[in-house]
């Protein structure tokens, strides 16, 4: 998923909760799916940011030498302006871009057949 090109809103949006439970039939299950996906997105964003900021890391032991690198500041600002992982995950869920399955339901349907 390319979170940089996502059409997710940057600010909080009021949503109809009935739209969220259409796919699963249960609002709480939908929220759990969105939360798990938001955690995955958060980890991915953190890894990307850490890789980019690692290029600017200085390994000096003195606290007196603090350099402000303009590129580092711009990278941090860019990531601050991205939509939050929960908004990205919610948009993916609403658009039907999240694959999920419920093993308990699959097992029950196999037993009925």
N, C-alpha and C. Protein backbone atom coordinates (compact mmCIF):
# COMPACT_ATOMS: atom_id res chain seq x y z
N UNK A 1 0.83 -1.17 0.00
CA UNK A 1 0.00 0.00 0.00
C UNK A 1 0.87 1.24 0.00
N UNK A 2 0.58 2.15 -0.88
CA UNK A 2 1.33 3.38 -0.94
C UNK A 2 0.57 4.45 -0.17
N UNK A 3 0.90 4.61 1.09
CA UNK A 3 0.18 5.55 1.94
C UNK A 3 0.41 6.99 1.52
N UNK A 4 1.45 7.23 0.74
CA UNK A 4 1.76 8.59 0.29
C UNK A 4 0.75 9.06 -0.76
N UNK A 5 0.17 8.13 -1.50
CA UNK A 5 -0.77 8.48 -2.56
C UNK A 5 -2.22 8.17 -2.17
N UNK A 6 -2.44 7.92 -0.91
CA UNK A 6 -3.77 7.56 -0.43
C UNK A 6 -4.71 8.76 -0.52
N UNK A 7 -5.97 8.46 -0.75
CA UNK A 7 -6.98 9.53 -0.78
C UNK A 7 -7.71 9.64 0.56
N UNK A 8 -7.09 9.13 1.59
CA UNK A 8 -7.67 9.22 2.93
C UNK A 8 -7.64 10.67 3.42
N UNK A 9 -8.65 11.08 4.15
CA UNK A 9 -8.66 12.47 4.65
C UNK A 9 -7.59 12.68 5.72
N UNK A 10 -7.11 13.90 5.80
CA UNK A 10 -6.08 14.22 6.80
C UNK A 10 -6.72 14.48 8.16
N UNK A 11 -7.94 14.98 8.15
CA UNK A 11 -8.66 15.26 9.39
C UNK A 11 -9.71 14.19 9.63
N UNK A 12 -10.21 14.15 10.85
CA UNK A 12 -11.24 13.19 11.22
C UNK A 12 -12.52 13.45 10.44
N UNK A 13 -13.15 12.37 9.99
CA UNK A 13 -14.38 12.47 9.21
C UNK A 13 -15.46 11.68 9.93
N UNK A 14 -16.65 12.25 10.01
CA UNK A 14 -17.77 11.54 10.61
C UNK A 14 -18.27 10.50 9.61
N UNK A 15 -18.41 9.28 10.06
CA UNK A 15 -18.84 8.19 9.17
C UNK A 15 -20.10 7.55 9.72
N UNK A 16 -20.87 6.99 8.83
CA UNK A 16 -22.05 6.25 9.21
C UNK A 16 -21.59 4.86 9.68
N UNK A 17 -21.86 4.52 10.92
CA UNK A 17 -21.36 3.25 11.45
C UNK A 17 -22.00 2.05 10.76
N UNK A 18 -23.18 2.25 10.18
CA UNK A 18 -23.82 1.14 9.48
C UNK A 18 -23.04 0.78 8.21
N UNK A 19 -22.36 1.77 7.61
CA UNK A 19 -21.53 1.49 6.44
C UNK A 19 -20.32 0.63 6.82
N UNK A 20 -19.82 0.83 8.04
CA UNK A 20 -18.66 0.07 8.48
C UNK A 20 -18.99 -1.39 8.76
N UNK A 21 -20.23 -1.65 9.17
CA UNK A 21 -20.56 -3.03 9.52
C UNK A 21 -21.26 -3.77 8.37
N UNK A 22 -21.36 -3.15 7.20
CA UNK A 22 -21.98 -3.82 6.05
C UNK A 22 -21.23 -5.09 5.67
N UNK A 23 -19.92 -5.00 5.60
CA UNK A 23 -19.13 -6.12 5.10
C UNK A 23 -19.03 -7.28 6.10
N UNK A 24 -18.90 -6.94 7.37
CA UNK A 24 -18.71 -7.99 8.38
C UNK A 24 -20.00 -8.37 9.09
N UNK A 25 -20.95 -7.46 9.12
CA UNK A 25 -22.19 -7.72 9.86
C UNK A 25 -22.08 -7.39 11.33
N UNK A 26 -20.92 -6.92 11.75
CA UNK A 26 -20.69 -6.63 13.16
C UNK A 26 -19.76 -5.43 13.25
N UNK A 27 -20.21 -4.38 13.91
CA UNK A 27 -19.41 -3.16 14.02
C UNK A 27 -18.10 -3.41 14.75
N UNK A 28 -18.14 -4.18 15.82
CA UNK A 28 -16.94 -4.43 16.62
C UNK A 28 -15.90 -5.22 15.84
N UNK A 29 -16.36 -6.15 15.03
CA UNK A 29 -15.44 -6.91 14.19
C UNK A 29 -14.79 -5.98 13.16
N UNK A 30 -15.58 -5.08 12.59
CA UNK A 30 -15.04 -4.12 11.62
C UNK A 30 -13.99 -3.23 12.27
N UNK A 31 -14.27 -2.76 13.47
CA UNK A 31 -13.33 -1.90 14.18
C UNK A 31 -12.04 -2.67 14.51
N UNK A 32 -12.17 -3.94 14.87
CA UNK A 32 -10.98 -4.76 15.17
C UNK A 32 -10.13 -4.93 13.90
N UNK A 33 -10.76 -5.14 12.77
CA UNK A 33 -10.04 -5.29 11.50
C UNK A 33 -9.31 -3.99 11.16
N UNK A 34 -10.02 -2.87 11.32
CA UNK A 34 -9.42 -1.57 11.03
C UNK A 34 -8.25 -1.31 11.98
N UNK A 35 -8.39 -1.67 13.25
CA UNK A 35 -7.32 -1.44 14.23
C UNK A 35 -6.08 -2.26 13.90
N UNK A 36 -6.27 -3.51 13.50
CA UNK A 36 -5.11 -4.35 13.14
C UNK A 36 -4.40 -3.78 11.92
N UNK A 37 -5.18 -3.33 10.95
CA UNK A 37 -4.56 -2.76 9.75
C UNK A 37 -3.86 -1.44 10.09
N UNK A 38 -4.44 -0.63 10.97
CA UNK A 38 -3.80 0.62 11.38
C UNK A 38 -2.47 0.36 12.06
N UNK A 39 -2.39 -0.70 12.86
CA UNK A 39 -1.11 -1.06 13.49
C UNK A 39 -0.08 -1.45 12.44
N UNK A 40 -0.49 -2.19 11.42
CA UNK A 40 0.42 -2.57 10.34
C UNK A 40 0.93 -1.33 9.60
N UNK A 41 0.04 -0.41 9.30
CA UNK A 41 0.42 0.82 8.60
C UNK A 41 1.36 1.65 9.45
N UNK A 42 1.07 1.74 10.74
CA UNK A 42 1.91 2.50 11.66
C UNK A 42 3.33 1.97 11.70
N UNK A 43 3.46 0.66 11.75
CA UNK A 43 4.80 0.03 11.76
C UNK A 43 5.53 0.33 10.45
N UNK A 44 4.81 0.24 9.34
CA UNK A 44 5.42 0.50 8.04
C UNK A 44 5.89 1.96 7.93
N UNK A 45 5.08 2.89 8.37
CA UNK A 45 5.45 4.31 8.33
C UNK A 45 6.66 4.56 9.23
N UNK A 46 6.66 3.96 10.41
CA UNK A 46 7.77 4.16 11.34
C UNK A 46 9.07 3.61 10.77
N UNK A 47 9.01 2.46 10.11
CA UNK A 47 10.20 1.89 9.50
C UNK A 47 10.73 2.80 8.39
N UNK A 48 9.83 3.31 7.55
CA UNK A 48 10.25 4.20 6.47
C UNK A 48 10.89 5.47 7.01
N UNK A 49 10.27 6.05 8.02
CA UNK A 49 10.80 7.27 8.61
C UNK A 49 12.15 7.01 9.28
N UNK A 50 12.27 5.91 9.97
CA UNK A 50 13.54 5.58 10.63
C UNK A 50 14.66 5.39 9.62
N UNK A 51 14.36 4.75 8.50
CA UNK A 51 15.38 4.56 7.46
C UNK A 51 15.85 5.90 6.91
N UNK A 52 14.90 6.79 6.67
CA UNK A 52 15.27 8.10 6.10
C UNK A 52 16.03 8.95 7.11
N UNK A 53 15.65 8.89 8.38
CA UNK A 53 16.33 9.70 9.38
C UNK A 53 17.67 9.10 9.79
N UNK A 54 17.85 7.80 9.57
CA UNK A 54 19.13 7.16 9.91
C UNK A 54 20.27 7.72 9.06
N UNK A 55 19.94 8.22 7.89
CA UNK A 55 20.97 8.80 7.02
C UNK A 55 21.59 10.05 7.65
N UNK A 56 20.83 10.72 8.52
CA UNK A 56 21.29 11.96 9.12
C UNK A 56 21.87 11.76 10.51
N UNK A 57 21.92 10.53 10.99
CA UNK A 57 22.36 10.26 12.35
C UNK A 57 23.84 10.59 12.50
N UNK A 58 24.14 11.29 13.58
CA UNK A 58 25.54 11.56 13.90
C UNK A 58 25.87 10.80 15.18
N UNK A 59 27.04 10.28 15.23
CA UNK A 59 27.41 9.42 16.34
C UNK A 59 28.40 10.12 17.27
N UNK A 60 28.17 11.39 17.53
CA UNK A 60 29.00 12.14 18.46
C UNK A 60 28.40 12.02 19.86
N UNK A 61 29.29 11.98 20.85
CA UNK A 61 28.83 11.82 22.23
C UNK A 61 28.51 13.14 22.91
N UNK A 62 28.91 14.24 22.31
CA UNK A 62 28.68 15.53 22.99
C UNK A 62 27.27 16.04 22.71
N UNK A 63 26.64 16.51 23.75
CA UNK A 63 25.30 17.05 23.63
C UNK A 63 25.31 18.50 23.15
N UNK A 64 26.48 19.11 23.17
CA UNK A 64 26.57 20.51 22.77
C UNK A 64 26.40 20.68 21.27
N UNK A 65 26.79 19.70 20.52
CA UNK A 65 26.73 19.81 19.07
C UNK A 65 25.41 19.26 18.55
N UNK A 66 24.44 20.13 18.45
CA UNK A 66 23.15 19.74 17.89
C UNK A 66 22.99 20.51 16.59
N UNK A 67 22.94 19.77 15.52
CA UNK A 67 22.83 20.40 14.22
C UNK A 67 21.41 20.27 13.71
N UNK A 68 20.89 21.36 13.18
CA UNK A 68 19.58 21.31 12.56
C UNK A 68 19.77 21.14 11.06
N UNK A 69 19.39 20.01 10.60
CA UNK A 69 19.52 19.72 9.18
C UNK A 69 18.17 20.00 8.51
N UNK A 70 18.17 20.89 7.54
CA UNK A 70 16.93 21.31 6.90
C UNK A 70 16.23 20.13 6.23
N UNK A 71 16.97 19.24 5.60
CA UNK A 71 16.36 18.07 4.94
C UNK A 71 15.67 17.17 5.97
N UNK A 72 16.31 16.99 7.10
CA UNK A 72 15.74 16.16 8.16
C UNK A 72 14.45 16.78 8.68
N UNK A 73 14.42 18.08 8.83
CA UNK A 73 13.23 18.76 9.30
C UNK A 73 12.11 18.64 8.28
N UNK A 74 12.43 18.76 7.01
CA UNK A 74 11.41 18.65 5.97
C UNK A 74 10.83 17.24 5.89
N UNK A 75 11.67 16.24 6.07
CA UNK A 75 11.19 14.85 6.07
C UNK A 75 10.24 14.64 7.25
N UNK A 76 10.62 15.14 8.41
CA UNK A 76 9.76 15.01 9.60
C UNK A 76 8.43 15.72 9.40
N UNK A 77 8.46 16.90 8.82
CA UNK A 77 7.22 17.64 8.57
C UNK A 77 6.33 16.90 7.58
N UNK A 78 6.95 16.32 6.56
CA UNK A 78 6.18 15.57 5.57
C UNK A 78 5.42 14.42 6.24
N UNK A 79 6.11 13.67 7.09
CA UNK A 79 5.48 12.54 7.76
C UNK A 79 4.43 12.99 8.78
N UNK A 80 4.62 14.18 9.35
CA UNK A 80 3.62 14.70 10.28
C UNK A 80 2.33 15.08 9.56
N UNK A 81 2.44 15.48 8.29
CA UNK A 81 1.27 15.91 7.52
C UNK A 81 0.50 14.74 6.90
N UNK A 82 1.08 13.55 6.92
CA UNK A 82 0.37 12.39 6.38
C UNK A 82 -0.86 12.08 7.21
N UNK A 83 -1.87 11.47 6.59
CA UNK A 83 -3.03 11.04 7.39
C UNK A 83 -2.60 10.02 8.44
N UNK A 84 -3.28 10.01 9.55
CA UNK A 84 -2.97 9.07 10.62
C UNK A 84 -3.28 7.64 10.17
N UNK A 85 -2.58 6.65 10.72
CA UNK A 85 -2.80 5.26 10.30
C UNK A 85 -4.25 4.80 10.44
N UNK A 86 -4.96 5.28 11.46
CA UNK A 86 -6.36 4.87 11.61
C UNK A 86 -7.22 5.40 10.47
N UNK A 87 -6.93 6.62 10.01
CA UNK A 87 -7.69 7.17 8.89
C UNK A 87 -7.37 6.43 7.60
N UNK A 88 -6.10 6.07 7.42
CA UNK A 88 -5.70 5.30 6.24
C UNK A 88 -6.39 3.93 6.25
N UNK A 89 -6.37 3.27 7.40
CA UNK A 89 -6.97 1.94 7.51
C UNK A 89 -8.48 1.99 7.31
N UNK A 90 -9.13 3.01 7.85
CA UNK A 90 -10.57 3.14 7.68
C UNK A 90 -10.92 3.37 6.22
N UNK A 91 -10.15 4.20 5.53
CA UNK A 91 -10.40 4.44 4.11
C UNK A 91 -10.20 3.16 3.30
N UNK A 92 -9.16 2.40 3.62
CA UNK A 92 -8.95 1.12 2.94
C UNK A 92 -10.12 0.17 3.18
N UNK A 93 -10.62 0.13 4.40
CA UNK A 93 -11.73 -0.77 4.72
C UNK A 93 -12.99 -0.37 3.97
N UNK A 94 -13.27 0.92 3.94
CA UNK A 94 -14.46 1.42 3.25
C UNK A 94 -14.36 1.14 1.74
N UNK A 95 -13.14 1.27 1.19
CA UNK A 95 -12.93 1.03 -0.24
C UNK A 95 -12.84 -0.45 -0.58
N UNK A 96 -12.84 -1.33 0.43
CA UNK A 96 -12.76 -2.76 0.21
C UNK A 96 -11.38 -3.25 -0.18
N UNK A 97 -10.35 -2.54 0.26
CA UNK A 97 -8.97 -2.89 -0.09
C UNK A 97 -8.29 -3.77 0.96
N UNK A 98 -8.98 -4.09 2.04
CA UNK A 98 -8.39 -4.91 3.10
C UNK A 98 -8.90 -6.34 2.95
N UNK A 99 -7.97 -7.27 2.88
CA UNK A 99 -8.34 -8.69 2.86
C UNK A 99 -8.38 -9.17 4.30
N UNK A 100 -9.45 -9.79 4.68
CA UNK A 100 -9.58 -10.34 6.02
C UNK A 100 -10.40 -11.62 5.94
N UNK A 101 -10.22 -12.46 6.93
CA UNK A 101 -11.00 -13.69 7.00
C UNK A 101 -11.20 -14.05 8.46
N UNK A 102 -12.23 -14.83 8.70
CA UNK A 102 -12.56 -15.27 10.04
C UNK A 102 -12.47 -16.80 10.07
N UNK A 103 -11.42 -17.36 10.64
CA UNK A 103 -11.27 -18.83 10.66
C UNK A 103 -12.44 -19.53 11.35
N UNK A 104 -13.03 -18.91 12.35
CA UNK A 104 -14.16 -19.55 13.05
C UNK A 104 -15.35 -19.70 12.12
N UNK A 105 -15.62 -18.70 11.32
CA UNK A 105 -16.72 -18.78 10.35
C UNK A 105 -16.43 -19.83 9.27
N UNK A 106 -15.19 -19.86 8.83
CA UNK A 106 -14.82 -20.84 7.80
C UNK A 106 -14.99 -22.26 8.33
N UNK A 107 -14.60 -22.48 9.58
CA UNK A 107 -14.73 -23.81 10.18
C UNK A 107 -16.20 -24.18 10.34
N UNK A 108 -17.03 -23.23 10.76
CA UNK A 108 -18.46 -23.50 10.93
C UNK A 108 -19.13 -23.82 9.59
N UNK A 109 -18.75 -23.11 8.53
CA UNK A 109 -19.35 -23.37 7.23
C UNK A 109 -18.92 -24.72 6.67
N UNK A 110 -17.69 -25.16 6.99
CA UNK A 110 -17.23 -26.49 6.56
C UNK A 110 -17.97 -27.59 7.30
N UNK A 111 -18.26 -27.37 8.58
CA UNK A 111 -18.98 -28.38 9.37
C UNK A 111 -20.41 -28.52 8.90
N UNK A 112 -21.01 -27.44 8.42
CA UNK A 112 -22.39 -27.49 7.94
C UNK A 112 -22.52 -28.22 6.61
N UNK A 113 -21.45 -28.20 5.83
CA UNK A 113 -21.49 -28.85 4.50
C UNK A 113 -21.33 -30.30 4.61
